[in-house]
All heavy atoms as atom14 arrays in JSON, in Angstrom:
{
  "sequence": "IYSRIVAVGNVAGSSAGDLIARDNAGVLWLY",
  "atom14_mask": [
    [1, 1, 1, 1, 1, 1, 1, 1, 0, 0, 0, 0, 0, 0],
    [1, 1, 1, 1, 1, 1, 1, 1, 1, 1, 1, 1, 0, 0],
    [1, 1, 1, 1, 1, 1, 0, 0, 0, 0, 0, 0, 0, 0],
    [1, 1, 1, 1, 1, 1, 1, 1, 1, 1, 1, 0, 0, 0],
    [1, 1, 1, 1, 1, 1, 1, 1, 0, 0, 0, 0, 0, 0],
    [1, 1, 1, 1, 1, 1, 1, 0, 0, 0, 0, 0, 0, 0],
    [1, 1, 1, 1, 1, 0, 0, 0, 0, 0, 0, 0, 0, 0],
    [1, 1, 1, 1, 1, 1, 1, 0, 0, 0, 0, 0, 0, 0],
    [1, 1, 1, 1, 0, 0, 0, 0, 0, 0, 0, 0, 0, 0],
    [1, 1, 1, 1, 1, 1, 1, 1, 0, 0, 0, 0, 0, 0],
    [1, 1, 1, 1, 1, 1, 1, 0, 0, 0, 0, 0, 0, 0],
    [1, 1, 1, 1, 1, 0, 0, 0, 0, 0, 0, 0, 0, 0],
    [1, 1, 1, 1, 0, 0, 0, 0, 0, 0, 0, 0, 0, 0],
    [1, 1, 1, 1, 1, 1, 0, 0, 0, 0, 0, 0, 0, 0],
    [1, 1, 1, 1, 1, 1, 0, 0, 0, 0, 0, 0, 0, 0],
    [1, 1, 1, 1, 1, 0, 0, 0, 0, 0, 0, 0, 0, 0],
    [1, 1, 1, 1, 0, 0, 0, 0, 0, 0, 0, 0, 0, 0],
    [1, 1, 1, 1, 1, 1, 1, 1, 0, 0, 0, 0, 0, 0],
    [1, 1, 1, 1, 1, 1, 1, 1, 0, 0, 0, 0, 0, 0],
    [1, 1, 1, 1, 1, 1, 1, 1, 0, 0, 0, 0, 0, 0],
    [1, 1, 1, 1, 1, 0, 0, 0, 0, 0, 0, 0, 0, 0],
    [1, 1, 1, 1, 1, 1, 1, 1, 1, 1, 1, 0, 0, 0],
    [1, 1, 1, 1, 1, 1, 1, 1, 0, 0, 0, 0, 0, 0],
    [1, 1, 1, 1, 1, 1, 1, 1, 0, 0, 0, 0, 0, 0],
    [1, 1, 1, 1, 1, 0, 0, 0, 0, 0, 0, 0, 0, 0],
    [1, 1, 1, 1, 0, 0, 0, 0, 0, 0, 0, 0, 0, 0],
    [1, 1, 1, 1, 1, 1, 1, 0, 0, 0, 0, 0, 0, 0],
    [1, 1, 1, 1, 1, 1, 1, 1, 0, 0, 0, 0, 0, 0],
    [1, 1, 1, 1, 1, 1, 1, 1, 1, 1, 1, 1, 1, 1],
    [1, 1, 1, 1, 1, 1, 1, 1, 0, 0, 0, 0, 0, 0],
    [1, 1, 1, 1, 1, 1, 1, 1, 1, 1, 1, 1, 0, 0]
  ],
  "atom14_positions": [
    [[0.84, -1.22, 0.0], [0.0, 0.0, 0.0], [0.86, 1.26, 0.0], [0.35, 2.36, -0.11], [-0.97, 0.03, 1.2], [-0.21, 0.14, 2.52], [-1.9, -1.17, 1.18], [-1.09, 0.43, 3.72], [0.0, 0.0, 0.0], [0.0, 0.0, 0.0], [0.0, 0.0, 0.0], [0.0, 0.0, 0.0], [0.0, 0.0, 0.0], [0.0, 0.0, 0.0]],
    [[2.18, 1.07, 0.1], [3.08, 2.22, 0.18], [3.85, 2.42, -1.12], [4.35, 1.48, -1.72], [4.08, 2.04, 1.33], [3.38, 1.97, 2.67], [3.37, 0.79, 3.4], [2.7, 3.07, 3.18], [2.72, 0.71, 4.62], [2.03, 3.0, 4.38], [2.05, 1.82, 5.09], [1.39, 1.75, 6.29], [0.0, 0.0, 0.0], [0.0, 0.0, 0.0]],
    [[3.95, 3.69, -1.53], [4.73, 4.04, -2.71], [6.2, 4.26, -2.37], [7.04, 4.26, -3.26], [4.16, 5.3, -3.37], [4.21, 6.4, -2.46], [0.0, 0.0, 0.0], [0.0, 0.0, 0.0], [0.0, 0.0, 0.0], [0.0, 0.0, 0.0], [0.0, 0.0, 0.0], [0.0, 0.0, 0.0], [0.0, 0.0, 0.0], [0.0, 0.0, 0.0]],
    [[6.49, 4.43, -1.1], [7.88, 4.63, -0.66], [8.01, 4.15, 0.78], [7.17, 4.44, 1.62], [8.23, 6.11, -0.75], [9.61, 6.49, -0.34], [10.64, 6.44, -1.42], [10.25, 7.26, -2.54], [10.69, 7.01, -3.77], [11.49, 6.03, -4.01], [10.32, 7.78, -4.76], [0.0, 0.0, 0.0], [0.0, 0.0, 0.0], [0.0, 0.0, 0.0]],
    [[9.09, 3.4, 1.05], [9.43, 2.97, 2.41], [10.88, 3.39, 2.63], [11.74, 3.09, 1.81], [9.28, 1.45, 2.58], [7.84, 1.01, 2.31], [9.7, 1.03, 3.99], [7.66, -0.49, 2.24], [0.0, 0.0, 0.0], [0.0, 0.0, 0.0], [0.0, 0.0, 0.0], [0.0, 0.0, 0.0], [0.0, 0.0, 0.0], [0.0, 0.0, 0.0]],
    [[11.14, 4.09, 3.73], [12.47, 4.65, 3.97], [12.95, 4.26, 5.37], [12.24, 4.47, 6.36], [12.47, 6.19, 3.84], [13.84, 6.77, 4.1], [11.95, 6.62, 2.48], [0.0, 0.0, 0.0], [0.0, 0.0, 0.0], [0.0, 0.0, 0.0], [0.0, 0.0, 0.0], [0.0, 0.0, 0.0], [0.0, 0.0, 0.0], [0.0, 0.0, 0.0]],
    [[14.16, 3.71, 5.43], [14.82, 3.45, 6.71], [15.43, 4.77, 7.18], [16.3, 5.32, 6.5], [15.89, 2.39, 6.55], [0.0, 0.0, 0.0], [0.0, 0.0, 0.0], [0.0, 0.0, 0.0], [0.0, 0.0, 0.0], [0.0, 0.0, 0.0], [0.0, 0.0, 0.0], [0.0, 0.0, 0.0], [0.0, 0.0, 0.0], [0.0, 0.0, 0.0]],
    [[14.95, 5.29, 8.29], [15.39, 6.61, 8.73], [16.22, 6.6, 10.0], [16.68, 7.64, 10.45], [14.19, 7.56, 8.93], [13.58, 7.95, 7.61], [13.14, 6.96, 9.86], [0.0, 0.0, 0.0], [0.0, 0.0, 0.0], [0.0, 0.0, 0.0], [0.0, 0.0, 0.0], [0.0, 0.0, 0.0], [0.0, 0.0, 0.0], [0.0, 0.0, 0.0]],
    [[16.45, 5.43, 10.58], [17.17, 5.4, 11.84], [16.19, 5.59, 12.99], [14.99, 5.47, 12.84], [0.0, 0.0, 0.0], [0.0, 0.0, 0.0], [0.0, 0.0, 0.0], [0.0, 0.0, 0.0], [0.0, 0.0, 0.0], [0.0, 0.0, 0.0], [0.0, 0.0, 0.0], [0.0, 0.0, 0.0], [0.0, 0.0, 0.0], [0.0, 0.0, 0.0]],
    [[16.71, 5.95, 14.13], [15.92, 6.06, 15.35], [15.32, 7.46, 15.48], [15.77, 8.27, 16.27], [16.82, 5.71, 16.55], [16.13, 5.91, 17.86], [14.92, 5.94, 17.93], [16.91, 6.06, 18.91], [0.0, 0.0, 0.0], [0.0, 0.0, 0.0], [0.0, 0.0, 0.0], [0.0, 0.0, 0.0], [0.0, 0.0, 0.0], [0.0, 0.0, 0.0]],
    [[14.3, 7.77, 14.69], [13.68, 9.1, 14.76], [12.67, 9.22, 15.9], [12.31, 10.33, 16.28], [13.01, 9.52, 13.43], [14.03, 9.65, 12.34], [11.89, 8.59, 13.05], [0.0, 0.0, 0.0], [0.0, 0.0, 0.0], [0.0, 0.0, 0.0], [0.0, 0.0, 0.0], [0.0, 0.0, 0.0], [0.0, 0.0, 0.0], [0.0, 0.0, 0.0]],
    [[12.21, 8.09, 16.45], [11.18, 8.13, 17.49], [11.73, 8.14, 18.9], [10.98, 8.22, 19.86], [10.22, 6.95, 17.32], [0.0, 0.0, 0.0], [0.0, 0.0, 0.0], [0.0, 0.0, 0.0], [0.0, 0.0, 0.0], [0.0, 0.0, 0.0], [0.0, 0.0, 0.0], [0.0, 0.0, 0.0], [0.0, 0.0, 0.0], [0.0, 0.0, 0.0]],
    [[13.05, 8.02, 19.05], [13.65, 8.09, 20.37], [13.73, 6.77, 21.1], [14.04, 6.76, 22.3], [0.0, 0.0, 0.0], [0.0, 0.0, 0.0], [0.0, 0.0, 0.0], [0.0, 0.0, 0.0], [0.0, 0.0, 0.0], [0.0, 0.0, 0.0], [0.0, 0.0, 0.0], [0.0, 0.0, 0.0], [0.0, 0.0, 0.0], [0.0, 0.0, 0.0]],
    [[13.48, 5.67, 20.43], [13.59, 4.36, 21.08], [15.01, 3.82, 20.89], [15.9, 4.54, 20.46], [12.56, 3.39, 20.48], [12.85, 3.15, 19.13], [0.0, 0.0, 0.0], [0.0, 0.0, 0.0], [0.0, 0.0, 0.0], [0.0, 0.0, 0.0], [0.0, 0.0, 0.0], [0.0, 0.0, 0.0], [0.0, 0.0, 0.0], [0.0, 0.0, 0.0]],
    [[15.2, 2.55, 21.18], [16.55, 1.99, 21.04], [16.77, 1.27, 19.72], [17.82, 0.69, 19.51], [16.81, 1.0, 22.19], [15.91, -0.09, 22.09], [0.0, 0.0, 0.0], [0.0, 0.0, 0.0], [0.0, 0.0, 0.0], [0.0, 0.0, 0.0], [0.0, 0.0, 0.0], [0.0, 0.0, 0.0], [0.0, 0.0, 0.0], [0.0, 0.0, 0.0]],
    [[15.79, 1.27, 18.82], [15.91, 0.55, 17.56], [15.57, 1.47, 16.39], [14.94, 2.51, 16.56], [14.98, -0.65, 17.56], [0.0, 0.0, 0.0], [0.0, 0.0, 0.0], [0.0, 0.0, 0.0], [0.0, 0.0, 0.0], [0.0, 0.0, 0.0], [0.0, 0.0, 0.0], [0.0, 0.0, 0.0], [0.0, 0.0, 0.0], [0.0, 0.0, 0.0]],
    [[15.97, 1.03, 15.21], [15.69, 1.81, 14.0], [14.22, 1.83, 13.65], [13.47, 0.9, 13.97], [0.0, 0.0, 0.0], [0.0, 0.0, 0.0], [0.0, 0.0, 0.0], [0.0, 0.0, 0.0], [0.0, 0.0, 0.0], [0.0, 0.0, 0.0], [0.0, 0.0, 0.0], [0.0, 0.0, 0.0], [0.0, 0.0, 0.0], [0.0, 0.0, 0.0]],
    [[13.8, 2.89, 13.0], [12.41, 3.09, 12.61], [12.3, 3.17, 11.09], [13.3, 3.38, 10.39], [11.87, 4.4, 13.21], [12.02, 4.46, 14.71], [11.81, 3.43, 15.37], [12.36, 5.55, 15.23], [0.0, 0.0, 0.0], [0.0, 0.0, 0.0], [0.0, 0.0, 0.0], [0.0, 0.0, 0.0], [0.0, 0.0, 0.0], [0.0, 0.0, 0.0]],
    [[11.08, 3.05, 10.59], [10.78, 3.22, 9.18], [9.73, 4.3, 9.03], [8.89, 4.48, 9.9], [10.18, 1.93, 8.59], [11.01, 0.69, 8.49], [10.18, -0.44, 7.91], [12.23, 0.94, 7.65], [0.0, 0.0, 0.0], [0.0, 0.0, 0.0], [0.0, 0.0, 0.0], [0.0, 0.0, 0.0], [0.0, 0.0, 0.0], [0.0, 0.0, 0.0]],
    [[9.78, 4.97, 7.89], [8.64, 5.79, 7.48], [8.14, 5.22, 6.17], [8.91, 4.64, 5.39], [8.99, 7.29, 7.34], [10.13, 7.53, 6.35], [9.3, 7.91, 8.7], [10.33, 8.98, 6.0], [0.0, 0.0, 0.0], [0.0, 0.0, 0.0], [0.0, 0.0, 0.0], [0.0, 0.0, 0.0], [0.0, 0.0, 0.0], [0.0, 0.0, 0.0]],
    [[6.85, 5.34, 5.94], [6.25, 4.81, 4.73], [5.21, 5.8, 4.24], [4.42, 6.33, 5.01], [5.6, 3.45, 5.01], [0.0, 0.0, 0.0], [0.0, 0.0, 0.0], [0.0, 0.0, 0.0], [0.0, 0.0, 0.0], [0.0, 0.0, 0.0], [0.0, 0.0, 0.0], [0.0, 0.0, 0.0], [0.0, 0.0, 0.0], [0.0, 0.0, 0.0]],
    [[5.23, 6.05, 2.92], [4.27, 6.97, 2.31], [3.25, 6.17, 1.52], [3.62, 5.36, 0.66], [5.0, 7.95, 1.38], [4.05, 8.96, 0.74], [4.75, 9.86, -0.23], [5.2, 9.08, -1.38], [6.13, 9.51, -2.23], [6.72, 10.67, -2.06], [6.48, 8.76, -3.26], [0.0, 0.0, 0.0], [0.0, 0.0, 0.0], [0.0, 0.0, 0.0]],
    [[1.97, 6.38, 1.82], [0.94, 5.65, 1.08], [0.64, 6.37, -0.24], [1.19, 7.44, -0.52], [-0.31, 5.42, 1.93], [-1.07, 6.68, 2.31], [-0.97, 7.71, 1.61], [-1.81, 6.63, 3.32], [0.0, 0.0, 0.0], [0.0, 0.0, 0.0], [0.0, 0.0, 0.0], [0.0, 0.0, 0.0], [0.0, 0.0, 0.0], [0.0, 0.0, 0.0]],
    [[-0.2, 5.76, -1.06], [-0.47, 6.3, -2.39], [-1.21, 7.62, -2.37], [-1.21, 8.36, -3.35], [-1.24, 5.27, -3.22], [-0.35, 4.08, -3.56], [0.83, 4.23, -3.81], [-0.93, 2.89, -3.55], [0.0, 0.0, 0.0], [0.0, 0.0, 0.0], [0.0, 0.0, 0.0], [0.0, 0.0, 0.0], [0.0, 0.0, 0.0], [0.0, 0.0, 0.0]],
    [[-1.83, 7.97, -1.23], [-2.51, 9.26, -1.09], [-1.55, 10.36, -0.63], [-1.94, 11.52, -0.52], [-3.67, 9.15, -0.12], [0.0, 0.0, 0.0], [0.0, 0.0, 0.0], [0.0, 0.0, 0.0], [0.0, 0.0, 0.0], [0.0, 0.0, 0.0], [0.0, 0.0, 0.0], [0.0, 0.0, 0.0], [0.0, 0.0, 0.0], [0.0, 0.0, 0.0]],
    [[-0.29, 10.0, -0.33], [0.69, 10.99, 0.11], [0.79, 11.14, 1.61], [1.47, 12.04, 2.1], [0.0, 0.0, 0.0], [0.0, 0.0, 0.0], [0.0, 0.0, 0.0], [0.0, 0.0, 0.0], [0.0, 0.0, 0.0], [0.0, 0.0, 0.0], [0.0, 0.0, 0.0], [0.0, 0.0, 0.0], [0.0, 0.0, 0.0], [0.0, 0.0, 0.0]],
    [[0.11, 10.29, 2.38], [0.18, 10.35, 3.84], [1.43, 9.6, 4.29], [1.7, 8.48, 3.83], [-1.08, 9.74, 4.48], [-0.97, 9.73, 6.01], [-2.32, 10.51, 4.05], [0.0, 0.0, 0.0], [0.0, 0.0, 0.0], [0.0, 0.0, 0.0], [0.0, 0.0, 0.0], [0.0, 0.0, 0.0], [0.0, 0.0, 0.0], [0.0, 0.0, 0.0]],
    [[2.19, 10.22, 5.19], [3.41, 9.62, 5.71], [3.12, 8.99, 7.06], [2.44, 9.59, 7.91], [4.51, 10.68, 5.85], [5.93, 10.15, 6.03], [6.39, 9.4, 4.78], [6.89, 11.28, 6.33], [0.0, 0.0, 0.0], [0.0, 0.0, 0.0], [0.0, 0.0, 0.0], [0.0, 0.0, 0.0], [0.0, 0.0, 0.0], [0.0, 0.0, 0.0]],
    [[3.64, 7.77, 7.26], [3.41, 6.99, 8.47], [4.74, 6.63, 9.1], [5.73, 6.39, 8.4], [2.65, 5.71, 8.14], [1.32, 5.95, 7.52], [1.04, 6.08, 6.18], [0.07, 6.12, 8.19], [-0.29, 6.3, 5.99], [-0.92, 6.33, 7.21], [-0.3, 6.1, 9.53], [-2.26, 6.51, 7.53], [-1.63, 6.29, 9.84], [-2.6, 6.49, 8.85]],
    [[4.77, 6.56, 10.43], [5.95, 6.15, 11.18], [5.72, 4.75, 11.73], [4.68, 4.47, 12.34], [6.21, 7.11, 12.34], [7.28, 6.7, 13.36], [8.66, 6.69, 12.71], [7.26, 7.62, 14.57], [0.0, 0.0, 0.0], [0.0, 0.0, 0.0], [0.0, 0.0, 0.0], [0.0, 0.0, 0.0], [0.0, 0.0, 0.0], [0.0, 0.0, 0.0]],
    [[6.7, 3.88, 11.51], [6.73, 2.55, 12.13], [7.91, 2.53, 13.09], [9.07, 2.5, 12.66], [6.89, 1.46, 11.06], [5.62, 1.18, 10.3], [5.3, 1.9, 9.16], [4.74, 0.2, 10.73], [4.14, 1.64, 8.45], [3.57, -0.06, 10.04], [3.28, 0.65, 8.9], [2.12, 0.39, 8.2], [0.0, 0.0, 0.0], [0.0, 0.0, 0.0]]
  ]
}
């Protein structure tokens, strides 16, 4: 469902790496 998935590192402040994903409507999500 995502047009782009990006490994961004630890942007959420936890101890592990995070992902961001952009859906086809242009909404960006944090995992």
